[in-house]
Amino acid sequence: MRALIQRVSRAEVRVAGERVGATGPGVLALVCAMQGDSGAEADKLAARLARLRIFHDEAGRMNRSLIDTGGGALVVSQFTLAADTSRGNRPGFSAAAPPEEGQRLYLRFAEALAGHGVPVETGRFGADMAVELINDGPVTIWLEIPPAG
């Protein structure tokens, strides 16, 4: 399972002009389930994000996590994180999980993250979404939990 994490001052996602999810200080997590992923990878990725120390402490060092700061997370599905750009000019997405499985794992990730005490809002799986954010730092981190086996 893959995620692109952006530390944000705020972020929101809209579908057809309607705001469906938002967060204040915290993270925007763009999430992609890959072929072979299971609930175990979703749970591990959520735990990793909840504890990822990317927020400043009193000394100005990145030493605090979402759990420490009480920050929120806007979780948005993004199958294009599975893009294979190794050949030609058109990315391939065959490494992404099938849509039904991708949705199940995306929702499991969001639920697991909330289970760590992180306030979570989501986008709408499979929808054409408009995401707006103010990247804080900027801090952008790639996280990946490879499938077991």
N, C-alpha and C. Protein backbone atom coordinates (compact mmCIF):
# COMPACT_ATOMS: atom_id res chain seq x y z
N MET A 1 0.86 -1.17 0.00
CA MET A 1 0.00 0.00 0.00
C MET A 1 0.90 1.22 0.00
N ARG A 2 0.49 2.23 -0.74
CA ARG A 2 1.30 3.44 -0.89
C ARG A 2 0.51 4.66 -0.43
N ALA A 3 1.26 5.65 0.06
CA ALA A 3 0.65 6.93 0.41
C ALA A 3 1.65 8.05 0.20
N LEU A 4 1.16 9.14 -0.31
CA LEU A 4 1.92 10.38 -0.40
C LEU A 4 1.33 11.29 0.67
N ILE A 5 2.17 11.65 1.64
CA ILE A 5 1.73 12.42 2.80
C ILE A 5 2.22 13.85 2.67
N GLN A 6 1.32 14.79 2.81
CA GLN A 6 1.70 16.19 2.80
C GLN A 6 1.25 16.83 4.11
N ARG A 7 2.21 17.43 4.82
CA ARG A 7 1.86 18.16 6.03
C ARG A 7 1.17 19.44 5.59
N VAL A 8 -0.01 19.72 6.15
CA VAL A 8 -0.81 20.85 5.69
C VAL A 8 -1.25 21.75 6.83
N SER A 9 -1.45 23.02 6.48
CA SER A 9 -2.12 23.95 7.39
C SER A 9 -3.62 23.70 7.30
N ARG A 10 -4.08 23.39 6.08
CA ARG A 10 -5.47 23.01 5.85
C ARG A 10 -5.55 22.31 4.50
N ALA A 11 -6.60 21.53 4.34
CA ALA A 11 -6.86 20.86 3.06
C ALA A 11 -8.34 20.54 2.98
N GLU A 12 -8.85 20.52 1.76
CA GLU A 12 -10.25 20.12 1.56
C GLU A 12 -10.39 19.44 0.22
N VAL A 13 -11.44 18.64 0.10
CA VAL A 13 -11.74 17.94 -1.15
C VAL A 13 -13.20 18.20 -1.48
N ARG A 14 -13.42 18.48 -2.77
CA ARG A 14 -14.77 18.75 -3.27
C ARG A 14 -15.09 17.79 -4.41
N VAL A 15 -16.37 17.41 -4.48
CA VAL A 15 -16.90 16.61 -5.57
C VAL A 15 -18.08 17.38 -6.14
N ALA A 16 -18.02 17.71 -7.42
CA ALA A 16 -19.06 18.49 -8.09
C ALA A 16 -19.38 19.77 -7.31
N GLY A 17 -18.33 20.41 -6.79
CA GLY A 17 -18.48 21.67 -6.07
C GLY A 17 -18.87 21.54 -4.62
N GLU A 18 -19.24 20.34 -4.18
CA GLU A 18 -19.64 20.10 -2.79
C GLU A 18 -18.44 19.65 -1.97
N ARG A 19 -18.23 20.33 -0.84
CA ARG A 19 -17.14 19.93 0.07
C ARG A 19 -17.53 18.63 0.76
N VAL A 20 -16.69 17.58 0.56
CA VAL A 20 -17.00 16.28 1.15
C VAL A 20 -16.05 15.91 2.28
N GLY A 21 -14.92 16.63 2.40
CA GLY A 21 -13.98 16.35 3.47
C GLY A 21 -13.00 17.48 3.62
N ALA A 22 -12.48 17.64 4.84
CA ALA A 22 -11.52 18.72 5.10
C ALA A 22 -10.75 18.42 6.38
N THR A 23 -9.63 19.11 6.52
CA THR A 23 -8.88 19.07 7.78
C THR A 23 -8.21 20.41 7.98
N GLY A 24 -7.98 20.72 9.23
CA GLY A 24 -7.17 21.88 9.58
C GLY A 24 -5.73 21.41 9.64
N PRO A 25 -4.94 21.90 10.59
CA PRO A 25 -3.54 21.45 10.67
C PRO A 25 -3.46 19.93 10.80
N GLY A 26 -2.61 19.34 9.98
CA GLY A 26 -2.44 17.89 9.99
C GLY A 26 -1.83 17.43 8.69
N VAL A 27 -2.47 16.42 8.06
CA VAL A 27 -1.93 15.88 6.82
C VAL A 27 -3.02 15.65 5.79
N LEU A 28 -2.60 15.75 4.54
CA LEU A 28 -3.37 15.23 3.42
C LEU A 28 -2.68 13.92 3.06
N ALA A 29 -3.43 12.82 3.07
CA ALA A 29 -2.87 11.51 2.73
C ALA A 29 -3.52 11.02 1.44
N LEU A 30 -2.74 10.98 0.36
CA LEU A 30 -3.19 10.41 -0.90
C LEU A 30 -2.81 8.94 -0.86
N VAL A 31 -3.80 8.05 -0.98
CA VAL A 31 -3.61 6.63 -0.67
C VAL A 31 -3.96 5.75 -1.86
N CYS A 32 -3.12 4.72 -2.09
CA CYS A 32 -3.34 3.77 -3.19
C CYS A 32 -3.11 2.35 -2.70
N ALA A 33 -4.12 1.51 -2.88
CA ALA A 33 -3.96 0.08 -2.61
C ALA A 33 -3.37 -0.57 -3.86
N MET A 34 -2.42 -1.46 -3.64
CA MET A 34 -1.71 -2.12 -4.74
C MET A 34 -2.16 -3.58 -4.84
N GLN A 35 -1.90 -4.20 -6.00
CA GLN A 35 -2.16 -5.63 -6.17
C GLN A 35 -1.48 -6.39 -5.04
N GLY A 36 -2.18 -7.32 -4.42
CA GLY A 36 -1.60 -8.15 -3.37
C GLY A 36 -1.73 -7.57 -1.97
N ASP A 37 -2.17 -6.32 -1.85
CA ASP A 37 -2.34 -5.74 -0.51
C ASP A 37 -3.52 -6.38 0.20
N SER A 38 -3.43 -6.36 1.53
CA SER A 38 -4.51 -6.88 2.37
C SER A 38 -4.77 -5.87 3.48
N GLY A 39 -5.69 -6.22 4.34
CA GLY A 39 -5.98 -5.37 5.48
C GLY A 39 -4.76 -5.15 6.36
N ALA A 40 -3.85 -6.11 6.39
CA ALA A 40 -2.65 -5.98 7.22
C ALA A 40 -1.81 -4.79 6.76
N GLU A 41 -1.67 -4.61 5.45
CA GLU A 41 -0.89 -3.48 4.94
C GLU A 41 -1.59 -2.15 5.24
N ALA A 42 -2.91 -2.13 5.12
CA ALA A 42 -3.67 -0.91 5.44
C ALA A 42 -3.48 -0.54 6.91
N ASP A 43 -3.54 -1.52 7.78
CA ASP A 43 -3.37 -1.27 9.22
C ASP A 43 -1.96 -0.78 9.53
N LYS A 44 -0.95 -1.40 8.92
CA LYS A 44 0.45 -0.99 9.16
C LYS A 44 0.70 0.42 8.66
N LEU A 45 0.16 0.74 7.48
CA LEU A 45 0.35 2.08 6.93
C LEU A 45 -0.32 3.13 7.82
N ALA A 46 -1.49 2.83 8.32
CA ALA A 46 -2.20 3.76 9.22
C ALA A 46 -1.40 3.98 10.51
N ALA A 47 -0.89 2.91 11.08
CA ALA A 47 -0.09 3.03 12.31
C ALA A 47 1.18 3.84 12.05
N ARG A 48 1.78 3.60 10.91
CA ARG A 48 3.01 4.34 10.56
C ARG A 48 2.73 5.82 10.42
N LEU A 49 1.63 6.17 9.74
CA LEU A 49 1.28 7.57 9.57
C LEU A 49 0.93 8.22 10.90
N ALA A 50 0.17 7.54 11.73
CA ALA A 50 -0.23 8.11 13.01
C ALA A 50 0.97 8.47 13.88
N ARG A 51 2.05 7.71 13.74
CA ARG A 51 3.25 7.91 14.57
C ARG A 51 4.39 8.65 13.86
N LEU A 52 4.20 8.99 12.59
CA LEU A 52 5.25 9.64 11.80
C LEU A 52 5.55 11.02 12.38
N ARG A 53 6.79 11.24 12.78
CA ARG A 53 7.17 12.49 13.46
C ARG A 53 7.58 13.54 12.43
N ILE A 54 6.58 14.30 11.96
CA ILE A 54 6.83 15.32 10.94
C ILE A 54 6.36 16.71 11.38
N PHE A 55 5.99 16.83 12.66
CA PHE A 55 5.53 18.11 13.19
C PHE A 55 6.55 18.65 14.18
N HIS A 56 6.66 19.96 14.24
CA HIS A 56 7.68 20.60 15.08
C HIS A 56 7.37 20.47 16.57
N ASP A 57 8.45 20.27 17.34
CA ASP A 57 8.35 20.33 18.80
C ASP A 57 8.71 21.75 19.25
N GLU A 58 8.85 21.95 20.56
CA GLU A 58 9.15 23.27 21.11
C GLU A 58 10.49 23.81 20.63
N ALA A 59 11.40 22.93 20.27
CA ALA A 59 12.73 23.33 19.79
C ALA A 59 12.76 23.55 18.28
N GLY A 60 11.61 23.36 17.61
CA GLY A 60 11.56 23.56 16.17
C GLY A 60 12.00 22.37 15.36
N ARG A 61 12.20 21.21 16.01
CA ARG A 61 12.61 19.99 15.30
C ARG A 61 11.38 19.15 14.95
N MET A 62 11.44 18.46 13.82
CA MET A 62 10.34 17.55 13.46
C MET A 62 10.43 16.34 14.38
N ASN A 63 9.65 16.39 15.44
CA ASN A 63 9.76 15.37 16.47
C ASN A 63 8.40 14.98 17.05
N ARG A 64 7.30 15.46 16.44
CA ARG A 64 5.97 15.17 16.96
C ARG A 64 5.12 14.54 15.85
N SER A 65 4.19 13.70 16.26
CA SER A 65 3.34 12.97 15.33
C SER A 65 1.91 13.54 15.35
N LEU A 66 1.06 12.99 14.49
CA LEU A 66 -0.36 13.34 14.52
C LEU A 66 -0.95 13.04 15.89
N ILE A 67 -0.56 11.92 16.47
CA ILE A 67 -1.06 11.55 17.79
C ILE A 67 -0.63 12.59 18.81
N ASP A 68 0.63 13.03 18.75
CA ASP A 68 1.16 14.02 19.70
C ASP A 68 0.48 15.38 19.57
N THR A 69 0.20 15.79 18.33
CA THR A 69 -0.30 17.14 18.08
C THR A 69 -1.82 17.24 18.07
N GLY A 70 -2.49 16.10 17.92
CA GLY A 70 -3.95 16.13 17.77
C GLY A 70 -4.36 16.58 16.38
N GLY A 71 -3.43 16.55 15.43
CA GLY A 71 -3.72 16.96 14.06
C GLY A 71 -4.66 15.99 13.37
N GLY A 72 -5.32 16.48 12.33
CA GLY A 72 -6.27 15.68 11.58
C GLY A 72 -5.68 15.16 10.29
N ALA A 73 -6.45 14.32 9.61
CA ALA A 73 -6.02 13.75 8.34
C ALA A 73 -7.18 13.79 7.35
N LEU A 74 -6.89 14.30 6.17
CA LEU A 74 -7.81 14.19 5.04
C LEU A 74 -7.26 13.07 4.17
N VAL A 75 -8.01 11.99 4.04
CA VAL A 75 -7.57 10.79 3.32
C VAL A 75 -8.31 10.73 1.99
N VAL A 76 -7.52 10.74 0.90
CA VAL A 76 -8.08 10.77 -0.46
C VAL A 76 -7.52 9.60 -1.24
N SER A 77 -8.39 8.83 -1.89
CA SER A 77 -7.93 7.71 -2.72
C SER A 77 -7.27 8.25 -3.98
N GLN A 78 -6.16 7.62 -4.37
CA GLN A 78 -5.46 8.07 -5.58
C GLN A 78 -4.75 6.89 -6.23
N PHE A 79 -5.49 6.18 -7.10
CA PHE A 79 -4.92 5.00 -7.75
C PHE A 79 -3.74 5.36 -8.64
N THR A 80 -3.59 6.63 -9.04
CA THR A 80 -2.48 6.99 -9.93
C THR A 80 -1.13 6.89 -9.24
N LEU A 81 -1.10 6.70 -7.93
CA LEU A 81 0.17 6.45 -7.25
C LEU A 81 0.77 5.10 -7.67
N ALA A 82 -0.02 4.28 -8.34
CA ALA A 82 0.46 2.99 -8.84
C ALA A 82 1.06 3.12 -10.23
N ALA A 83 1.17 4.32 -10.74
CA ALA A 83 1.62 4.53 -12.13
C ALA A 83 2.97 3.89 -12.42
N ASP A 84 3.01 3.17 -13.53
CA ASP A 84 4.27 2.64 -14.07
C ASP A 84 4.63 3.54 -15.25
N THR A 85 5.72 4.28 -15.11
CA THR A 85 6.15 5.20 -16.17
C THR A 85 7.46 4.74 -16.80
N SER A 86 7.76 3.45 -16.67
CA SER A 86 9.04 2.94 -17.15
C SER A 86 9.13 2.84 -18.67
N ARG A 87 7.98 2.81 -19.35
CA ARG A 87 8.02 2.70 -20.81
C ARG A 87 7.03 3.68 -21.42
N GLY A 88 7.42 4.29 -22.48
CA GLY A 88 6.53 5.16 -23.24
C GLY A 88 6.14 6.42 -22.49
N ASN A 89 5.11 7.06 -23.01
CA ASN A 89 4.66 8.33 -22.45
C ASN A 89 3.32 8.23 -21.73
N ARG A 90 2.72 7.04 -21.75
CA ARG A 90 1.43 6.85 -21.10
C ARG A 90 1.62 5.95 -19.90
N PRO A 91 1.30 6.44 -18.69
CA PRO A 91 1.47 5.60 -17.50
C PRO A 91 0.53 4.40 -17.52
N GLY A 92 0.99 3.30 -16.95
CA GLY A 92 0.16 2.12 -16.77
C GLY A 92 -0.22 1.99 -15.31
N PHE A 93 -1.41 1.48 -15.05
CA PHE A 93 -1.92 1.41 -13.67
C PHE A 93 -2.28 -0.01 -13.26
N SER A 94 -1.75 -1.01 -13.96
CA SER A 94 -2.12 -2.40 -13.68
C SER A 94 -1.64 -2.87 -12.31
N ALA A 95 -0.71 -2.16 -11.67
CA ALA A 95 -0.24 -2.55 -10.34
C ALA A 95 -1.21 -2.14 -9.23
N ALA A 96 -2.18 -1.28 -9.56
CA ALA A 96 -3.18 -0.88 -8.57
C ALA A 96 -4.13 -2.03 -8.29
N ALA A 97 -4.65 -2.09 -7.08
CA ALA A 97 -5.65 -3.09 -6.74
C ALA A 97 -6.91 -2.84 -7.57
N PRO A 98 -7.69 -3.88 -7.85
CA PRO A 98 -8.97 -3.68 -8.54
C PRO A 98 -9.85 -2.72 -7.73
N PRO A 99 -10.75 -2.00 -8.39
CA PRO A 99 -11.54 -0.97 -7.71
C PRO A 99 -12.24 -1.42 -6.42
N GLU A 100 -12.89 -2.58 -6.44
CA GLU A 100 -13.62 -3.03 -5.24
C GLU A 100 -12.66 -3.25 -4.07
N GLU A 101 -11.52 -3.88 -4.36
CA GLU A 101 -10.52 -4.13 -3.33
C GLU A 101 -9.86 -2.83 -2.90
N GLY A 102 -9.58 -1.97 -3.86
CA GLY A 102 -8.99 -0.67 -3.55
C GLY A 102 -9.87 0.14 -2.62
N GLN A 103 -11.16 0.14 -2.88
CA GLN A 103 -12.08 0.89 -2.02
C GLN A 103 -12.12 0.29 -0.61
N ARG A 104 -12.19 -1.02 -0.53
CA ARG A 104 -12.23 -1.69 0.78
C ARG A 104 -10.98 -1.35 1.59
N LEU A 105 -9.81 -1.39 0.95
CA LEU A 105 -8.56 -1.13 1.67
C LEU A 105 -8.40 0.35 2.00
N TYR A 106 -8.84 1.22 1.13
CA TYR A 106 -8.84 2.67 1.39
C TYR A 106 -9.67 2.99 2.62
N LEU A 107 -10.88 2.43 2.69
CA LEU A 107 -11.74 2.67 3.85
C LEU A 107 -11.17 2.04 5.11
N ARG A 108 -10.57 0.87 4.97
CA ARG A 108 -9.94 0.24 6.13
C ARG A 108 -8.79 1.10 6.65
N PHE A 109 -7.97 1.65 5.74
CA PHE A 109 -6.89 2.54 6.15
C PHE A 109 -7.45 3.73 6.93
N ALA A 110 -8.49 4.38 6.41
CA ALA A 110 -9.07 5.55 7.08
C ALA A 110 -9.61 5.17 8.46
N GLU A 111 -10.27 4.03 8.56
CA GLU A 111 -10.81 3.57 9.85
C GLU A 111 -9.68 3.24 10.82
N ALA A 112 -8.63 2.61 10.33
CA ALA A 112 -7.49 2.25 11.19
C ALA A 112 -6.79 3.52 11.69
N LEU A 113 -6.65 4.52 10.84
CA LEU A 113 -6.03 5.77 11.26
C LEU A 113 -6.88 6.45 12.33
N ALA A 114 -8.19 6.46 12.14
CA ALA A 114 -9.10 7.02 13.15
C ALA A 114 -9.00 6.23 14.45
N GLY A 115 -8.75 4.93 14.35
CA GLY A 115 -8.59 4.09 15.53
C GLY A 115 -7.39 4.46 16.39
N HIS A 116 -6.47 5.20 15.82
CA HIS A 116 -5.30 5.70 16.57
C HIS A 116 -5.59 7.06 17.21
N GLY A 117 -6.84 7.49 17.12
CA GLY A 117 -7.23 8.76 17.73
C GLY A 117 -7.04 9.97 16.83
N VAL A 118 -6.77 9.74 15.55
CA VAL A 118 -6.59 10.84 14.60
C VAL A 118 -7.95 11.20 14.00
N PRO A 119 -8.35 12.48 14.07
CA PRO A 119 -9.59 12.87 13.38
C PRO A 119 -9.41 12.71 11.87
N VAL A 120 -10.30 11.94 11.24
CA VAL A 120 -10.15 11.60 9.82
C VAL A 120 -11.40 12.02 9.05
N GLU A 121 -11.18 12.66 7.91
CA GLU A 121 -12.23 12.87 6.93
C GLU A 121 -11.70 12.31 5.62
N THR A 122 -12.61 11.99 4.70
CA THR A 122 -12.21 11.35 3.45
C THR A 122 -12.79 12.06 2.24
N GLY A 123 -12.21 11.71 1.10
CA GLY A 123 -12.80 12.08 -0.17
C GLY A 123 -13.86 11.05 -0.53
N ARG A 124 -14.21 10.96 -1.79
CA ARG A 124 -15.21 9.99 -2.25
C ARG A 124 -14.53 9.08 -3.26
N PHE A 125 -14.40 7.82 -2.91
CA PHE A 125 -13.69 6.86 -3.74
C PHE A 125 -14.27 6.83 -5.16
N GLY A 126 -13.37 6.89 -6.14
CA GLY A 126 -13.75 6.77 -7.54
C GLY A 126 -14.33 8.03 -8.15
N ALA A 127 -14.53 9.07 -7.35
CA ALA A 127 -15.11 10.31 -7.87
C ALA A 127 -14.03 11.19 -8.49
N ASP A 128 -14.45 12.11 -9.33
CA ASP A 128 -13.56 13.14 -9.86
C ASP A 128 -13.53 14.22 -8.78
N MET A 129 -12.40 14.32 -8.09
CA MET A 129 -12.29 15.20 -6.92
C MET A 129 -11.38 16.39 -7.21
N ALA A 130 -11.71 17.50 -6.58
CA ALA A 130 -10.84 18.68 -6.58
C ALA A 130 -10.28 18.82 -5.18
N VAL A 131 -8.96 18.75 -5.07
CA VAL A 131 -8.30 18.81 -3.77
C VAL A 131 -7.55 20.14 -3.68
N GLU A 132 -7.78 20.83 -2.58
CA GLU A 132 -7.10 22.10 -2.34
C GLU A 132 -6.35 21.97 -1.02
N LEU A 133 -5.10 22.45 -1.00
CA LEU A 133 -4.33 22.34 0.23
C LEU A 133 -3.34 23.48 0.35
N ILE A 134 -2.95 23.72 1.56
CA ILE A 134 -1.81 24.59 1.84
C ILE A 134 -0.77 23.70 2.50
N ASN A 135 0.28 23.40 1.72
CA ASN A 135 1.35 22.53 2.19
C ASN A 135 2.18 23.31 3.21
N ASP A 136 2.37 22.74 4.37
CA ASP A 136 3.08 23.39 5.46
C ASP A 136 4.53 22.92 5.45
N GLY A 137 5.44 23.81 5.16
CA GLY A 137 6.87 23.48 5.18
C GLY A 137 7.60 23.93 3.94
N PRO A 138 7.39 23.34 2.81
CA PRO A 138 6.57 22.17 2.52
C PRO A 138 7.22 20.88 3.02
N VAL A 139 6.37 19.99 3.50
CA VAL A 139 6.81 18.66 3.92
C VAL A 139 5.96 17.65 3.16
N THR A 140 6.60 16.84 2.32
CA THR A 140 5.93 15.80 1.55
C THR A 140 6.74 14.52 1.70
N ILE A 141 6.07 13.45 2.13
CA ILE A 141 6.74 12.18 2.46
C ILE A 141 6.04 11.03 1.72
N TRP A 142 6.85 10.14 1.15
CA TRP A 142 6.34 8.93 0.51
C TRP A 142 6.40 7.80 1.53
N LEU A 143 5.27 7.10 1.73
CA LEU A 143 5.24 5.92 2.60
C LEU A 143 4.77 4.73 1.78
N GLU A 144 5.39 3.59 2.01
CA GLU A 144 4.99 2.38 1.31
C GLU A 144 5.14 1.18 2.22
N ILE A 145 4.12 0.36 2.26
CA ILE A 145 4.15 -0.92 2.97
C ILE A 145 3.95 -1.99 1.90
N PRO A 146 5.02 -2.73 1.55
CA PRO A 146 4.87 -3.74 0.49
C PRO A 146 3.99 -4.91 0.96
N PRO A 147 3.30 -5.56 0.02
CA PRO A 147 2.48 -6.69 0.39
C PRO A 147 3.32 -7.79 1.05
N ALA A 148 2.76 -8.43 2.06
CA ALA A 148 3.45 -9.54 2.73
C ALA A 148 3.48 -10.73 1.76
N GLY A 149 4.47 -11.55 1.92
CA GLY A 149 4.49 -12.77 1.15
C GLY A 149 5.51 -12.78 0.14
